[in-house]
C-alpha cells in the first residue's frame, strides 16, 4: 500500500520540531518526528489499525495515537495519506452543520 504525507501533515511535524527546538530540547522534537515516520510505515500492511476519528465518524478518516500526537490519515483503496499530526489534546474542527 502506498503511503504519502500531505503538506499539512509535513507542516505540522515541522512546527512540532520547531516548538521543541525553542524549548531547548531539539532532540525530543527530532525523535518524535522520526517515530511518526516509523509508526506510519506499519499502515502499509495494516491500514485499518487506527481508530476512526471520533469527531468525524467517517470510516475512511482514521488516526493513530502516538503521544503526544494524533496522526490523522485518510484511508483510500490502495493508498494511505497522512493528513495531520496534531497534539492529542487538540480537538479537530467539525464540518459545518454537524
Protein backbone atom coordinates (compact mmCIF):
# COMPACT_ATOMS: atom_id res chain seq x y z
CA UNK A 1 0.00 0.00 0.00
CA UNK A 2 1.25 3.47 -0.91
CA UNK A 3 1.79 5.91 1.99
CA UNK A 4 2.15 9.65 1.42
CA UNK A 5 2.15 12.81 3.50
CA UNK A 6 0.02 15.87 2.77
CA UNK A 7 1.76 19.25 3.01
CA UNK A 8 -0.40 19.98 6.07
CA UNK A 9 1.00 16.93 7.89
CA UNK A 10 4.58 17.79 7.00
CA UNK A 11 3.99 21.36 8.19
CA UNK A 12 2.54 20.05 11.48
CA UNK A 13 5.61 17.90 12.06
CA UNK A 14 7.98 20.75 11.25
CA UNK A 15 6.10 23.05 13.65
CA UNK A 16 6.32 20.38 16.34
CA UNK A 17 10.05 20.00 15.81
CA UNK A 18 10.49 23.79 15.90
CA UNK A 19 8.50 24.06 19.15
CA UNK A 20 10.78 21.56 20.89
CA UNK A 21 13.81 23.38 19.50
CA UNK A 22 12.51 26.63 21.01
CA UNK A 23 12.01 24.82 24.34
CA UNK A 24 15.69 23.89 24.33
CA UNK A 25 15.17 20.17 23.73
CA UNK A 26 15.62 19.75 19.96
CA UNK A 27 16.40 16.04 20.35
CA UNK A 28 12.86 15.42 21.63
CA UNK A 29 11.29 17.02 18.56
CA UNK A 30 13.60 15.18 16.20
CA UNK A 31 12.92 11.88 17.95
CA UNK A 32 9.13 12.39 17.76
CA UNK A 33 9.25 13.16 14.04
CA UNK A 34 11.38 10.07 13.36
CA UNK A 35 8.98 7.95 15.44
CA UNK A 36 5.99 9.25 13.46
CA UNK A 37 7.61 8.27 10.16
CA UNK A 38 8.43 4.84 11.58
CA UNK A 39 4.95 4.37 13.03
CA UNK A 40 3.07 5.18 9.83
CA UNK A 41 5.09 2.59 7.92
CA UNK A 42 3.01 -0.09 9.67
CA UNK A 43 -0.04 1.31 7.85
CA UNK A 44 1.31 -0.18 4.61
CA UNK A 45 0.42 -3.65 5.91
CA UNK A 46 -2.34 -2.67 8.37
CA UNK A 47 -4.17 0.39 7.02
CA UNK A 48 -7.17 -0.09 9.30
CA UNK A 49 -5.16 -0.30 12.53
CA UNK A 50 -6.02 3.27 13.52
CA UNK A 51 -9.35 4.16 15.06
CA UNK A 52 -12.00 6.16 13.23
CA UNK A 53 -11.59 9.85 14.13
CA UNK A 54 -14.42 10.36 16.64
CA UNK A 55 -15.13 13.97 15.64
CA UNK A 56 -15.91 12.96 12.06
CA UNK A 57 -17.14 9.35 12.33
CA UNK A 58 -16.12 8.54 8.75
CA UNK A 59 -14.64 5.07 8.10
CA UNK A 60 -12.02 6.45 5.69
CA UNK A 61 -10.67 9.05 8.17
CA UNK A 62 -8.63 7.34 10.87
CA UNK A 63 -5.98 8.18 13.43
CA UNK A 64 -3.07 6.66 15.26
CA UNK A 65 -2.37 7.91 18.75
CA UNK A 66 1.35 8.41 19.29
CA UNK A 67 1.60 10.53 22.44
CA UNK A 68 1.53 13.45 22.39
CA UNK A 69 0.27 13.28 18.79
CA UNK A 70 -2.82 12.30 16.88
CA UNK A 71 -1.65 11.15 13.46
CA UNK A 72 -4.71 11.61 11.24
CA UNK A 73 -4.82 9.77 7.94
CA UNK A 74 -7.16 9.11 5.07
CA UNK A 75 -7.53 5.51 4.00
CA UNK A 76 -8.48 5.06 0.37
CA UNK A 77 -8.24 1.91 -1.79
CA UNK A 78 -4.55 1.15 -2.25
CA UNK A 79 -3.44 4.33 -0.54
CA UNK A 80 -2.92 5.92 2.87
CA UNK A 81 -2.43 9.68 3.07
CA UNK A 82 -1.25 11.23 6.31
CA UNK A 83 -3.16 14.49 6.57
CA UNK A 84 -2.35 15.93 10.02
CA UNK A 85 -0.11 15.41 13.01
CA UNK A 86 -1.70 17.28 15.91
CA UNK A 87 -1.03 17.31 19.62
CA UNK A 88 -3.51 14.84 21.12
CA UNK A 89 -5.28 17.36 23.35
CA UNK A 90 -6.27 19.46 20.34
CA UNK A 91 -9.83 18.97 19.13
CA UNK A 92 -10.47 18.68 15.42
CA UNK A 93 -12.91 21.07 13.77
CA UNK A 94 -16.26 19.59 12.90
CA UNK A 95 -17.71 20.37 9.48
CA UNK A 96 -20.47 22.99 9.37
CA UNK A 97 -23.92 21.58 10.04
CA UNK A 98 -22.82 18.69 12.30
